[in-house]
Amino acid sequence: MLIRLICLAFAAVAVVGCSTGNITPELSASTQRDVGVAVLALTKSGGDPWQVAYRYEQIDGDVTGLLEMKADQDGTIHSDYNSVQGNLTFVELPAGDYRITGWQLRRWLTTRESSVPLDIRFRVYPGRFTYAGELNLDTADQRILEAGVTAVVVQVKGAAERDIQHIQQYHPQVDFLRFRMHQMRISIPSGLAR
């Protein structure tokens, strides 16, 4: 009975901690068989400061959510990297296939969203940390508030070497025996702001 209570308490802490997407979840082999952790680098290019988020959904499932870059209300990004604006995000999800369906830019009370649906696919393996790569949103040098309908480009990049070094340095609790690489695939590379 005591062991069951300890396991339930651990599971509750893991679920609460993972809901932010910014805390490194730990996987327990016995309690998390159908759960994995998606590891994505969310980055932004361009001078216009905005908070960046992506909507995702489970393919053939009912899980939906937001992947959000760590930033202040004014769009100042809390970057994990020296040369790139962005951060590494850990999201605990049921194992399966997912797709990113759209992006969202927020600054103060203003929101801009993709008007063209995205189809960027990634996979979460059970009991594994699955590194999916870097998802970069580029606003170029355009002022989105002034430009109205503006092209925003979303790119999938490979940044495994940089991100694995970052994980080793700042997230030592990640068990690399449970680490797997599965690069995101993109079908529609850009959307238009509305």
Protein backbone atom coordinates (compact mmCIF):
# COMPACT_ATOMS: atom_id res chain seq x y z
CA MET A 1 0.00 0.00 0.00
CA LEU A 2 2.79 2.43 0.91
CA ILE A 3 4.63 1.66 -2.34
CA ARG A 4 1.44 2.31 -4.33
CA LEU A 5 0.98 5.70 -2.60
CA ILE A 6 4.60 6.66 -3.30
CA CYS A 7 4.18 5.68 -6.98
CA LEU A 8 0.95 7.70 -7.24
CA ALA A 9 2.60 10.73 -5.62
CA PHE A 10 5.55 10.45 -8.03
CA ALA A 11 3.18 10.20 -11.02
CA ALA A 12 1.22 13.27 -9.85
CA VAL A 13 4.40 15.30 -9.44
CA ALA A 14 5.63 14.19 -12.88
CA VAL A 15 2.35 15.17 -14.57
CA VAL A 16 2.21 18.57 -12.86
CA GLY A 17 5.87 19.24 -13.59
CA CYS A 18 5.55 18.28 -17.24
CA SER A 19 2.55 20.45 -18.01
CA THR A 20 4.76 23.51 -18.47
CA GLY A 21 6.89 21.82 -21.11
CA ASN A 22 10.00 23.48 -19.66
CA ILE A 23 10.85 21.11 -16.80
CA THR A 24 12.72 17.93 -17.65
CA PRO A 25 10.42 15.00 -16.90
CA GLU A 26 11.81 11.76 -15.58
CA LEU A 27 10.48 8.48 -16.94
CA SER A 28 9.86 5.52 -14.68
CA ALA A 29 10.00 2.17 -16.48
CA SER A 30 7.19 0.70 -14.37
CA THR A 31 4.69 3.58 -14.31
CA GLN A 32 5.24 5.26 -17.69
CA ARG A 33 5.06 2.40 -20.22
CA ASP A 34 2.68 4.23 -22.58
CA VAL A 35 4.19 7.68 -22.07
CA GLY A 36 7.23 9.31 -23.62
CA VAL A 37 8.84 12.73 -23.71
CA ALA A 38 9.08 14.84 -26.88
CA VAL A 39 12.24 16.98 -26.90
CA LEU A 40 12.08 19.95 -29.30
CA ALA A 41 14.15 23.08 -29.74
CA LEU A 42 11.79 26.02 -30.32
CA THR A 43 13.63 28.95 -31.90
CA LYS A 44 12.75 32.30 -33.46
CA SER A 45 14.48 34.42 -36.07
CA GLY A 46 13.69 38.03 -36.88
CA GLY A 47 13.80 41.29 -34.99
CA ASP A 48 10.14 41.72 -34.04
CA PRO A 49 9.68 40.43 -30.44
CA TRP A 50 6.73 38.07 -30.05
CA GLN A 51 5.90 35.12 -27.82
CA VAL A 52 5.85 32.01 -30.02
CA ALA A 53 3.59 28.99 -29.54
CA TYR A 54 2.57 26.02 -31.69
CA ARG A 55 -0.67 24.07 -31.57
CA TYR A 56 -0.30 20.29 -31.77
CA GLU A 57 -2.63 17.31 -31.90
CA GLN A 58 -2.26 13.58 -31.63
CA ILE A 59 -2.86 11.74 -34.91
CA ASP A 60 -5.60 9.15 -34.35
CA GLY A 61 -6.04 10.35 -30.78
CA ASP A 62 -7.60 13.11 -28.71
CA VAL A 63 -4.55 14.81 -27.16
CA THR A 64 -4.09 18.48 -28.08
CA GLY A 65 -2.00 21.26 -26.64
CA LEU A 66 0.43 24.13 -27.06
CA LEU A 67 4.20 24.08 -27.27
CA GLU A 68 5.33 27.47 -25.98
CA MET A 69 8.66 29.23 -26.09
CA LYS A 70 9.78 30.67 -22.73
CA ALA A 71 9.28 34.43 -23.07
CA ASP A 72 7.98 37.50 -21.25
CA GLN A 73 4.72 39.28 -22.16
CA ASP A 74 6.69 41.75 -24.30
CA GLY A 75 8.18 38.89 -26.34
CA THR A 76 11.63 38.86 -24.72
CA ILE A 77 12.79 35.26 -25.14
CA HIS A 78 14.52 33.44 -22.28
CA SER A 79 17.06 31.80 -24.54
CA ASP A 80 18.90 28.58 -23.70
CA TYR A 81 21.44 29.29 -26.43
CA ASN A 82 24.13 31.90 -27.04
CA SER A 83 23.74 32.28 -30.80
CA VAL A 84 20.02 31.52 -31.30
CA GLN A 85 16.82 32.90 -29.75
CA GLY A 86 15.01 29.93 -28.29
CA ASN A 87 14.86 27.13 -25.81
CA LEU A 88 14.70 23.39 -25.46
CA THR A 89 11.25 22.09 -24.55
CA PHE A 90 10.38 18.76 -22.91
CA VAL A 91 6.75 17.63 -23.19
CA GLU A 92 5.49 14.41 -21.65
CA LEU A 93 2.86 12.85 -23.94
CA PRO A 94 1.17 9.53 -24.56
CA ALA A 95 3.24 7.54 -27.05
CA GLY A 96 2.19 7.97 -30.66
CA ASP A 97 2.30 10.22 -33.70
CA TYR A 98 1.61 13.95 -33.48
CA ARG A 99 1.38 16.90 -35.82
CA ILE A 100 1.88 20.61 -35.31
CA THR A 101 -1.12 22.30 -36.90
CA GLY A 102 -0.39 26.01 -36.54
CA TRP A 103 1.66 28.76 -34.97
CA GLN A 104 0.64 31.66 -32.78
CA LEU A 105 2.44 34.93 -32.04
CA ARG A 106 1.42 36.92 -28.95
CA ARG A 107 2.56 40.29 -27.72
CA TRP A 108 0.72 42.04 -24.93
CA LEU A 109 -2.97 41.86 -25.98
CA THR A 110 -2.30 41.19 -29.67
CA THR A 111 -2.34 37.73 -31.26
CA ARG A 112 -1.46 36.64 -34.78
CA GLU A 113 -2.07 33.08 -35.95
CA SER A 114 -1.24 31.04 -39.01
CA SER A 115 -4.01 31.14 -41.58
CA VAL A 116 -2.56 28.21 -43.52
CA PRO A 117 -2.59 24.95 -41.55
CA LEU A 118 0.76 23.36 -40.79
CA ASP A 119 1.45 19.67 -40.96
CA ILE A 120 4.70 19.08 -39.09
CA ARG A 121 4.86 15.55 -37.75
CA PHE A 122 6.77 14.12 -34.84
CA ARG A 123 6.66 10.88 -32.89
CA VAL A 124 6.80 10.06 -29.20
CA TYR A 125 8.13 6.61 -28.31
CA PRO A 126 6.95 4.88 -25.12
CA GLY A 127 9.40 5.12 -22.23
CA ARG A 128 11.82 7.26 -24.28
CA PHE A 129 13.02 10.82 -24.64
CA THR A 130 12.46 11.43 -28.38
CA TYR A 131 14.48 14.30 -29.86
CA ALA A 132 12.52 15.75 -32.80
CA GLY A 133 14.88 18.57 -33.89
CA GLU A 134 14.58 22.35 -34.07
CA LEU A 135 11.41 24.19 -35.07
CA ASN A 136 12.26 27.73 -36.17
CA LEU A 137 9.75 30.52 -36.79
CA ASP A 138 11.17 33.36 -38.90
CA THR A 139 9.51 36.78 -39.03
CA ALA A 140 12.51 38.24 -40.93
CA ASP A 141 12.82 42.00 -40.38
CA GLN A 142 9.12 42.66 -40.85
CA ARG A 143 6.99 44.48 -38.29
CA ILE A 144 3.99 42.20 -37.97
CA LEU A 145 1.68 44.81 -36.41
CA GLU A 146 2.41 47.30 -39.18
CA ALA A 147 2.54 44.86 -42.11
CA GLY A 148 -0.93 43.32 -41.62
CA VAL A 149 -0.87 40.08 -43.59
CA THR A 150 2.78 39.06 -43.48
CA ALA A 151 4.60 35.92 -44.52
CA VAL A 152 5.97 33.95 -41.59
CA VAL A 153 8.21 31.01 -42.42
CA VAL A 154 8.41 27.90 -40.25
CA GLN A 155 11.38 25.61 -40.80
CA VAL A 156 12.46 22.28 -39.37
CA LYS A 157 16.21 22.20 -38.74
CA GLY A 158 18.66 19.63 -37.51
CA ALA A 159 20.44 20.83 -34.39
CA ALA A 160 21.10 17.55 -32.60
CA GLU A 161 24.75 18.19 -31.72
CA ARG A 162 23.96 21.57 -30.13
CA ASP A 163 20.92 20.27 -28.25
CA ILE A 164 22.53 17.08 -26.98
CA GLN A 165 25.41 19.15 -25.57
CA HIS A 166 22.85 21.44 -23.93
CA ILE A 167 20.99 18.45 -22.42
CA GLN A 168 24.22 16.93 -21.10
CA GLN A 169 25.22 20.22 -19.49
CA TYR A 170 21.89 21.47 -18.10
CA HIS A 171 19.67 18.37 -17.79
CA PRO A 172 21.87 15.61 -16.32
CA GLN A 173 18.79 13.67 -15.19
CA VAL A 174 18.04 12.71 -18.82
CA ASP A 175 18.87 9.03 -19.22
CA PHE A 176 20.63 8.71 -22.59
CA LEU A 177 19.94 4.96 -22.54
CA ARG A 178 16.30 6.03 -23.08
CA PHE A 179 17.11 8.69 -25.69
CA ARG A 180 16.01 8.35 -29.30
CA MET A 181 16.27 10.56 -32.41
CA HIS A 182 13.29 10.98 -34.76
CA GLN A 183 13.47 14.16 -36.89
CA MET A 184 10.24 16.12 -37.46
CA ARG A 185 8.86 16.10 -40.99
CA ILE A 186 7.23 19.19 -42.48
CA SER A 187 4.65 19.28 -45.26
CA ILE A 188 3.69 22.97 -45.35
CA PRO A 189 6.71 25.23 -44.62
CA SER A 190 4.96 28.57 -44.07
CA GLY A 191 1.74 30.28 -43.10
CA LEU A 192 0.35 33.78 -43.41
CA ALA A 193 -0.35 36.04 -40.44
CA ARG A 194 -3.87 37.30 -40.06
